Amino acid sequence: MKSSIVAKGLLIIGVSFQVILLSSCGNSGNDDLKAKELELKERELKLKEQELNGGATATPEQSQSSNTNQVTFSANAVVSGNSVILRADHSTTSNKVKSMKKNDGLIILDEFIPDGNYGEAILTQKTDFFSDYNGVFVFSLPRGKAVMVEGRSDGYRYDISYQDAKSKSRGFAKISPDLLEFISGKTWYHVRLIDGTTGWVFSEFVQKM
């Protein structure tokens, strides 16, 4: 392979030298013939250069077509929280598409405002969950997690639940109203990520630019 490249290089040098000689002798003999020979040698040199480089050089039309096919990602919003879930639909019960990091860029495509949905809420502080409402500790959820609101059992506190997607374990808790932010009337954004993935994200975790 190395000897082949060296041979091609020497061939290009030889052709280049011929071009220089033809150019310097352009004033003697037949000028038109010399000009044609010079043009042919220049074409031959370009072909050898392309062969040495492993392929033909793209034409201006090809380059323009390639640039046209490139998609520019221009974010108009960013993720404002950590481990924010992108969902398949505008509901905390819909399937998870992927998890997003803080400051990930987004393009907002559409929005949806649910009406009368009091079955879902966002935790406003870290909360412990148990095997039942008065059972054994199971796990804790950080502020910002979406939970299901089951109702009120004591007239004041809400009964909430959450099912972990990985372990499939389900936890329950009782919580005061001021520690929940109900999703009803809150906007969901339909967004596209830089990798082309689309889905829905709760507006509380999105900052418009």
C-alpha atoms as a PDB file:
ATOM      1  CA  MET A   1       0.000   0.000   0.000  1.00  0.00           C
ATOM      2  CA  LYS A   2       2.831   2.389   0.954  1.00  0.00           C
ATOM      3  CA  SER A   3       4.753   1.711  -2.277  1.00  0.00           C
ATOM      4  CA  SER A   4       1.570   2.272  -4.293  1.00  0.00           C
ATOM      5  CA  ILE A   5       1.017   5.682  -2.692  1.00  0.00           C
ATOM      6  CA  VAL A   6       4.676   6.644  -3.301  1.00  0.00           C
ATOM      7  CA  ALA A   7       4.387   5.581  -6.951  1.00  0.00           C
ATOM      8  CA  LYS A   8       1.226   7.648  -7.413  1.00  0.00           C
ATOM      9  CA  GLY A   9       2.925  10.617  -5.770  1.00  0.00           C
ATOM     10  CA  LEU A  10       5.896  10.364  -8.118  1.00  0.00           C
ATOM     11  CA  LEU A  11       3.523  10.137 -11.068  1.00  0.00           C
ATOM     12  CA  ILE A  12       1.784  13.352  -9.994  1.00  0.00           C
ATOM     13  CA  ILE A  13       5.169  15.077  -9.604  1.00  0.00           C
ATOM     14  CA  GLY A  14       6.121  13.928 -13.116  1.00  0.00           C
ATOM     15  CA  VAL A  15       2.879  15.235 -14.601  1.00  0.00           C
ATOM     16  CA  SER A  16       3.295  18.526 -12.729  1.00  0.00           C
ATOM     17  CA  PHE A  17       6.830  18.904 -14.132  1.00  0.00           C
ATOM     18  CA  GLN A  18       5.504  18.332 -17.645  1.00  0.00           C
ATOM     19  CA  VAL A  19       2.887  21.013 -17.091  1.00  0.00           C
ATOM     20  CA  ILE A  20       5.570  23.472 -15.969  1.00  0.00           C
ATOM     21  CA  LEU A  21       7.738  22.696 -19.040  1.00  0.00           C
ATOM     22  CA  LEU A  22       4.806  23.120 -21.403  1.00  0.00           C
ATOM     23  CA  SER A  23       3.897  26.401 -19.738  1.00  0.00           C
ATOM     24  CA  SER A  24       7.453  27.768 -20.054  1.00  0.00           C
ATOM     25  CA  CYS A  25       7.661  26.806 -23.735  1.00  0.00           C
ATOM     26  CA  GLY A  26       4.371  28.362 -24.666  1.00  0.00           C
ATOM     27  CA  ASN A  27       6.052  31.102 -26.757  1.00  0.00           C
ATOM     28  CA  SER A  28       7.808  28.703 -29.198  1.00  0.00           C
ATOM     29  CA  GLY A  29       6.147  26.528 -31.877  1.00  0.00           C
ATOM     30  CA  ASN A  30       2.412  26.249 -32.208  1.00  0.00           C
ATOM     31  CA  ASP A  31       0.812  28.206 -29.311  1.00  0.00           C
ATOM     32  CA  ASP A  32      -2.643  26.658 -29.780  1.00  0.00           C
ATOM     33  CA  LEU A  33      -1.247  23.122 -29.717  1.00  0.00           C
ATOM     34  CA  LYS A  34       0.814  23.857 -26.630  1.00  0.00           C
ATOM     35  CA  ALA A  35      -2.219  25.366 -24.874  1.00  0.00           C
ATOM     36  CA  LYS A  36      -4.316  22.247 -25.576  1.00  0.00           C
ATOM     37  CA  GLU A  37      -1.520  19.966 -24.377  1.00  0.00           C
ATOM     38  CA  LEU A  38      -1.206  22.065 -21.230  1.00  0.00           C
ATOM     39  CA  GLU A  39      -4.947  21.802 -20.575  1.00  0.00           C
ATOM     40  CA  LEU A  40      -4.864  18.007 -21.043  1.00  0.00           C
ATOM     41  CA  LYS A  41      -1.927  17.649 -18.664  1.00  0.00           C
ATOM     42  CA  GLU A  42      -3.697  19.753 -16.027  1.00  0.00           C
ATOM     43  CA  ARG A  43      -6.785  17.524 -16.289  1.00  0.00           C
ATOM     44  CA  GLU A  44      -4.594  14.426 -15.976  1.00  0.00           C
ATOM     45  CA  LEU A  45      -2.955  15.898 -12.879  1.00  0.00           C
ATOM     46  CA  LYS A  46      -6.339  16.542 -11.242  1.00  0.00           C
ATOM     47  CA  LEU A  47      -7.482  12.979 -11.999  1.00  0.00           C
ATOM     48  CA  LYS A  48      -4.323  11.533 -10.441  1.00  0.00           C
ATOM     49  CA  GLU A  49      -4.752  13.697  -7.355  1.00  0.00           C
ATOM     50  CA  GLN A  50      -8.335  12.463  -6.964  1.00  0.00           C
ATOM     51  CA  GLU A  51      -7.184   8.838  -7.369  1.00  0.00           C
ATOM     52  CA  LEU A  52      -4.470   9.329  -4.743  1.00  0.00           C
ATOM     53  CA  ASN A  53      -7.011  10.811  -2.321  1.00  0.00           C
ATOM     54  CA  GLY A  54      -9.280   7.817  -2.764  1.00  0.00           C
ATOM     55  CA  GLY A  55     -12.167   9.337  -4.669  1.00  0.00           C
ATOM     56  CA  ALA A  56     -13.541  12.206  -6.702  1.00  0.00           C
ATOM     57  CA  THR A  57     -14.004  15.684  -5.297  1.00  0.00           C
ATOM     58  CA  ALA A  58     -17.615  16.743  -4.776  1.00  0.00           C
ATOM     59  CA  THR A  59     -18.949  19.209  -7.291  1.00  0.00           C
ATOM     60  CA  PRO A  60     -20.367  22.560  -6.087  1.00  0.00           C
ATOM     61  CA  GLU A  61     -23.864  21.240  -6.857  1.00  0.00           C
ATOM     62  CA  GLN A  62     -23.258  18.166  -4.662  1.00  0.00           C
ATOM     63  CA  SER A  63     -21.880  20.287  -1.840  1.00  0.00           C
ATOM     64  CA  GLN A  64     -24.879  22.597  -1.971  1.00  0.00           C
ATOM     65  CA  SER A  65     -27.250  19.605  -1.919  1.00  0.00           C
ATOM     66  CA  SER A  66     -25.433  18.140   1.092  1.00  0.00           C
ATOM     67  CA  ASN A  67     -25.682  21.393   3.024  1.00  0.00           C
ATOM     68  CA  THR A  68     -29.378  21.669   2.199  1.00  0.00           C
ATOM     69  CA  ASN A  69     -30.065  18.226   3.690  1.00  0.00           C
ATOM     70  CA  GLN A  70     -28.540  19.170   7.082  1.00  0.00           C
ATOM     71  CA  VAL A  71     -31.160  19.970   9.749  1.00  0.00           C
ATOM     72  CA  THR A  72     -30.423  22.861  12.077  1.00  0.00           C
ATOM     73  CA  PHE A  73     -31.523  22.428  15.706  1.00  0.00           C
ATOM     74  CA  SER A  74     -32.514  25.786  17.187  1.00  0.00           C
ATOM     75  CA  ALA A  75     -33.736  25.320  20.756  1.00  0.00           C
ATOM     76  CA  ASN A  76     -36.381  27.690  22.127  1.00  0.00           C
ATOM     77  CA  ALA A  77     -36.446  26.192  25.635  1.00  0.00           C
ATOM     78  CA  VAL A  78     -34.306  24.236  28.116  1.00  0.00           C
ATOM     79  CA  VAL A  79     -34.969  21.626  30.798  1.00  0.00           C
ATOM     80  CA  SER A  80     -35.005  23.351  34.197  1.00  0.00           C
ATOM     81  CA  GLY A  81     -34.754  20.269  36.433  1.00  0.00           C
ATOM     82  CA  ASN A  82     -32.701  17.098  36.804  1.00  0.00           C
ATOM     83  CA  SER A  83     -33.864  13.653  35.640  1.00  0.00           C
ATOM     84  CA  VAL A  84     -36.984  15.150  34.048  1.00  0.00           C
ATOM     85  CA  ILE A  85     -39.093  12.516  32.310  1.00  0.00           C
ATOM     86  CA  LEU A  86     -40.145  12.873  28.681  1.00  0.00           C
ATOM     87  CA  ARG A  87     -43.434  10.994  28.258  1.00  0.00           C
ATOM     88  CA  ALA A  88     -45.338   9.551  25.331  1.00  0.00           C
ATOM     89  CA  ASP A  89     -48.453  11.577  26.202  1.00  0.00           C
ATOM     90  CA  HIS A  90     -49.482  14.557  28.352  1.00  0.00           C
ATOM     91  CA  SER A  91     -50.042  12.525  31.538  1.00  0.00           C
ATOM     92  CA  THR A  92     -47.855  11.305  34.393  1.00  0.00           C
ATOM     93  CA  THR A  93     -49.263   7.802  33.823  1.00  0.00           C
ATOM     94  CA  SER A  94     -48.143   7.603  30.172  1.00  0.00           C
ATOM     95  CA  ASN A  95     -45.057   5.647  29.148  1.00  0.00           C
ATOM     96  CA  LYS A  96     -41.614   7.092  29.751  1.00  0.00           C
ATOM     97  CA  VAL A  97     -39.744   7.933  26.547  1.00  0.00           C
ATOM     98  CA  LYS A  98     -36.457   8.972  28.126  1.00  0.00           C
ATOM     99  CA  SER A  99     -34.932  10.977  30.977  1.00  0.00           C
ATOM    100  CA  MET A 100     -33.575  14.482  30.360  1.00  0.00           C
ATOM    101  CA  LYS A 101     -30.835  16.454  32.105  1.00  0.00           C
ATOM    102  CA  LYS A 102     -30.883  20.037  33.317  1.00  0.00           C
ATOM    103  CA  ASN A 103     -30.179  22.557  30.525  1.00  0.00           C
ATOM    104  CA  ASP A 104     -30.916  20.062  27.734  1.00  0.00           C
ATOM    105  CA  GLY A 105     -32.174  22.023  24.721  1.00  0.00           C
ATOM    106  CA  LEU A 106     -35.761  21.617  23.513  1.00  0.00           C
ATOM    107  CA  ILE A 107     -37.928  22.788  20.650  1.00  0.00           C
ATOM    108  CA  ILE A 108     -41.534  23.351  21.774  1.00  0.00           C
ATOM    109  CA  LEU A 109     -43.840  22.006  19.067  1.00  0.00           C
ATOM    110  CA  ASP A 110     -47.229  22.280  20.765  1.00  0.00           C
ATOM    111  CA  GLU A 111     -48.882  22.585  24.169  1.00  0.00           C
ATOM    112  CA  PHE A 112     -51.807  21.050  26.022  1.00  0.00           C
ATOM    113  CA  ILE A 113     -53.697  22.330  29.067  1.00  0.00           C
ATOM    114  CA  PRO A 114     -55.709  19.583  30.852  1.00  0.00           C
ATOM    115  CA  ASP A 115     -59.019  20.525  32.411  1.00  0.00           C
ATOM    116  CA  GLY A 116     -60.420  19.006  35.601  1.00  0.00           C
ATOM    117  CA  ASN A 117     -57.531  16.584  36.188  1.00  0.00           C
ATOM    118  CA  TYR A 118     -57.131  16.369  39.960  1.00  0.00           C
ATOM    119  CA  GLY A 119     -55.828  12.799  39.967  1.00  0.00           C
ATOM    120  CA  GLU A 120     -52.203  13.806  39.380  1.00  0.00           C
ATOM    121  CA  ALA A 121     -49.950  16.113  41.346  1.00  0.00           C
ATOM    122  CA  ILE A 122     -46.300  17.119  41.785  1.00  0.00           C
ATOM    123  CA  LEU A 123     -44.498  16.768  45.129  1.00  0.00           C
ATOM    124  CA  THR A 124     -43.164  20.058  46.476  1.00  0.00           C
ATOM    125  CA  GLN A 125     -40.798  18.377  48.944  1.00  0.00           C
ATOM    126  CA  LYS A 126     -39.119  15.026  49.603  1.00  0.00           C
ATOM    127  CA  THR A 127     -41.715  12.458  50.729  1.00  0.00           C
ATOM    128  CA  ASP A 128     -41.462   8.965  52.266  1.00  0.00           C
ATOM    129  CA  PHE A 129     -43.663   6.165  50.919  1.00  0.00           C
ATOM    130  CA  PHE A 130     -44.804   2.982  52.657  1.00  0.00           C
ATOM    131  CA  SER A 131     -46.148  -0.487  51.778  1.00  0.00           C
ATOM    132  CA  ASP A 132     -49.597   0.843  52.671  1.00  0.00           C
ATOM    133  CA  TYR A 133     -50.731   4.111  54.211  1.00  0.00           C
ATOM    134  CA  ASN A 134     -49.612   2.996  57.683  1.00  0.00           C
ATOM    135  CA  GLY A 135     -47.162   0.223  56.745  1.00  0.00           C
ATOM    136  CA  VAL A 136     -43.442  -0.413  56.287  1.00  0.00           C
ATOM    137  CA  PHE A 137     -41.157   2.145  54.642  1.00  0.00           C
ATOM    138  CA  VAL A 138     -40.534   1.375  50.951  1.00  0.00           C
ATOM    139  CA  PHE A 139     -38.785   4.351  49.347  1.00  0.00           C
ATOM    140  CA  SER A 140     -38.519   8.147  49.244  1.00  0.00           C
ATOM    141  CA  LEU A 141     -39.274  10.463  46.327  1.00  0.00           C
ATOM    142  CA  PRO A 142     -37.606  13.833  45.784  1.00  0.00           C
ATOM    143  CA  ARG A 143     -39.327  17.148  45.184  1.00  0.00           C
ATOM    144  CA  GLY A 144     -40.696  17.405  41.651  1.00  0.00           C
ATOM    145  CA  LYS A 145     -41.855  13.789  41.241  1.00  0.00           C
ATOM    146  CA  ALA A 146     -45.356  13.226  39.848  1.00  0.00           C
ATOM    147  CA  VAL A 147     -47.700  11.055  41.947  1.00  0.00           C
ATOM    148  CA  MET A 148     -51.245   9.745  41.747  1.00  0.00           C
ATOM    149  CA  VAL A 149     -53.822  11.310  44.090  1.00  0.00           C
ATOM    150  CA  GLU A 150     -56.135   8.580  45.409  1.00  0.00           C
ATOM    151  CA  GLY A 151     -58.405  10.815  47.495  1.00  0.00           C
ATOM    152  CA  ARG A 152     -58.810  12.059  51.063  1.00  0.00           C
ATOM    153  CA  SER A 153     -59.146   9.641  53.947  1.00  0.00           C
ATOM    154  CA  ASP A 154     -59.145  11.936  56.968  1.00  0.00           C
ATOM    155  CA  GLY A 155     -60.826  15.013  55.513  1.00  0.00           C
ATOM    156  CA  TYR A 156     -57.597  17.012  55.252  1.00  0.00           C
ATOM    157  CA  ARG A 157     -54.568  15.048  54.038  1.00  0.00           C
ATOM    158  CA  TYR A 158     -54.437  13.500  50.589  1.00  0.00           C
ATOM    159  CA  ASP A 159     -53.738   9.815  49.994  1.00  0.00           C
ATOM    160  CA  ILE A 160     -51.115   9.507  47.252  1.00  0.00           C
ATOM    161  CA  SER A 161     -49.350   6.619  45.576  1.00  0.00           C
ATOM    162  CA  TYR A 162     -46.420   5.957  43.267  1.00  0.00           C
ATOM    163  CA  GLN A 163     -45.227   2.871  41.395  1.00  0.00           C
ATOM    164  CA  ASP A 164     -41.517   2.578  40.712  1.00  0.00           C
ATOM    165  CA  ALA A 165     -40.921   1.758  37.025  1.00  0.00           C
ATOM    166  CA  LYS A 166     -37.795  -0.363  37.678  1.00  0.00           C
ATOM    167  CA  SER A 167     -38.625  -2.353  40.799  1.00  0.00           C
ATOM    168  CA  LYS A 168     -42.403  -2.322  40.165  1.00  0.00           C
ATOM    169  CA  SER A 169     -42.847  -1.733  43.892  1.00  0.00           C
ATOM    170  CA  ARG A 170     -45.728   0.524  44.876  1.00  0.00           C
ATOM    171  CA  GLY A 171     -45.644   3.014  47.731  1.00  0.00           C
ATOM    172  CA  PHE A 172     -48.329   4.994  49.536  1.00  0.00           C
ATOM    173  CA  ALA A 173     -48.309   8.152  51.653  1.00  0.00           C
ATOM    174  CA  LYS A 174     -50.556  10.721  53.325  1.00  0.00           C
ATOM    175  CA  ILE A 175     -49.651  14.330  52.641  1.00  0.00           C
ATOM    176  CA  SER A 176     -51.037  17.774  53.354  1.00  0.00           C
ATOM    177  CA  PRO A 177     -52.454  19.823  50.436  1.00  0.00           C
ATOM    178  CA  ASP A 178     -49.757  22.489  50.636  1.00  0.00           C
ATOM    179  CA  LEU A 179     -47.109  19.867  49.763  1.00  0.00           C
ATOM    180  CA  LEU A 180     -48.788  19.015  46.470  1.00  0.00           C
ATOM    181  CA  GLU A 181     -49.048  20.986  43.240  1.00  0.00           C
ATOM    182  CA  PHE A 182     -51.987  19.714  41.233  1.00  0.00           C
ATOM    183  CA  ILE A 183     -51.492  19.314  37.504  1.00  0.00           C
ATOM    184  CA  SER A 184     -55.034  20.355  36.609  1.00  0.00           C
ATOM    185  CA  GLY A 185     -54.876  23.500  34.472  1.00  0.00           C
ATOM    186  CA  LYS A 186     -51.081  23.256  34.128  1.00  0.00           C
ATOM    187  CA  THR A 187     -49.553  23.203  30.674  1.00  0.00           C
ATOM    188  CA  TRP A 188     -47.792  20.261  29.053  1.00  0.00           C
ATOM    189  CA  TYR A 189     -45.367  20.886  26.186  1.00  0.00           C
ATOM    190  CA  HIS A 190     -44.919  18.660  23.159  1.00  0.00           C
ATOM    191  CA  VAL A 191     -41.176  18.938  22.459  1.00  0.00           C
ATOM    192  CA  ARG A 192     -38.398  17.664  20.218  1.00  0.00           C
ATOM    193  CA  LEU A 193     -34.880  16.946  21.501  1.00  0.00           C
ATOM    194  CA  ILE A 194     -31.621  17.475  19.640  1.00  0.00           C
ATOM    195  CA  ASP A 195     -31.491  13.758  18.741  1.00  0.00           C
ATOM    196  CA  GLY A 196     -34.935  14.004  17.116  1.00  0.00           C
ATOM    197  CA  THR A 197     -36.851  12.306  19.944  1.00  0.00           C
ATOM    198  CA  THR A 198     -40.303  13.782  20.593  1.00  0.00           C
ATOM    199  CA  GLY A 199     -42.606  13.563  23.579  1.00  0.00           C
ATOM    200  CA  TRP A 200     -44.450  15.470  26.296  1.00  0.00           C
ATOM    201  CA  VAL A 201     -43.000  17.207  29.343  1.00  0.00           C
ATOM    202  CA  PHE A 202     -44.694  19.053  32.200  1.00  0.00           C
ATOM    203  CA  SER A 203     -44.255  22.828  31.850  1.00  0.00           C
ATOM    204  CA  GLU A 204     -42.996  23.211  35.437  1.00  0.00           C
ATOM    205  CA  PHE A 205     -39.720  21.610  34.288  1.00  0.00           C
ATOM    206  CA  VAL A 206     -39.265  23.738  31.159  1.00  0.00           C
ATOM    207  CA  GLN A 207     -37.835  27.239  30.850  1.00  0.00           C
ATOM    208  CA  LYS A 208     -38.570  29.109  27.653  1.00  0.00           C
ATOM    209  CA  MET A 209     -35.721  31.056  26.053  1.00  0.00           C
END
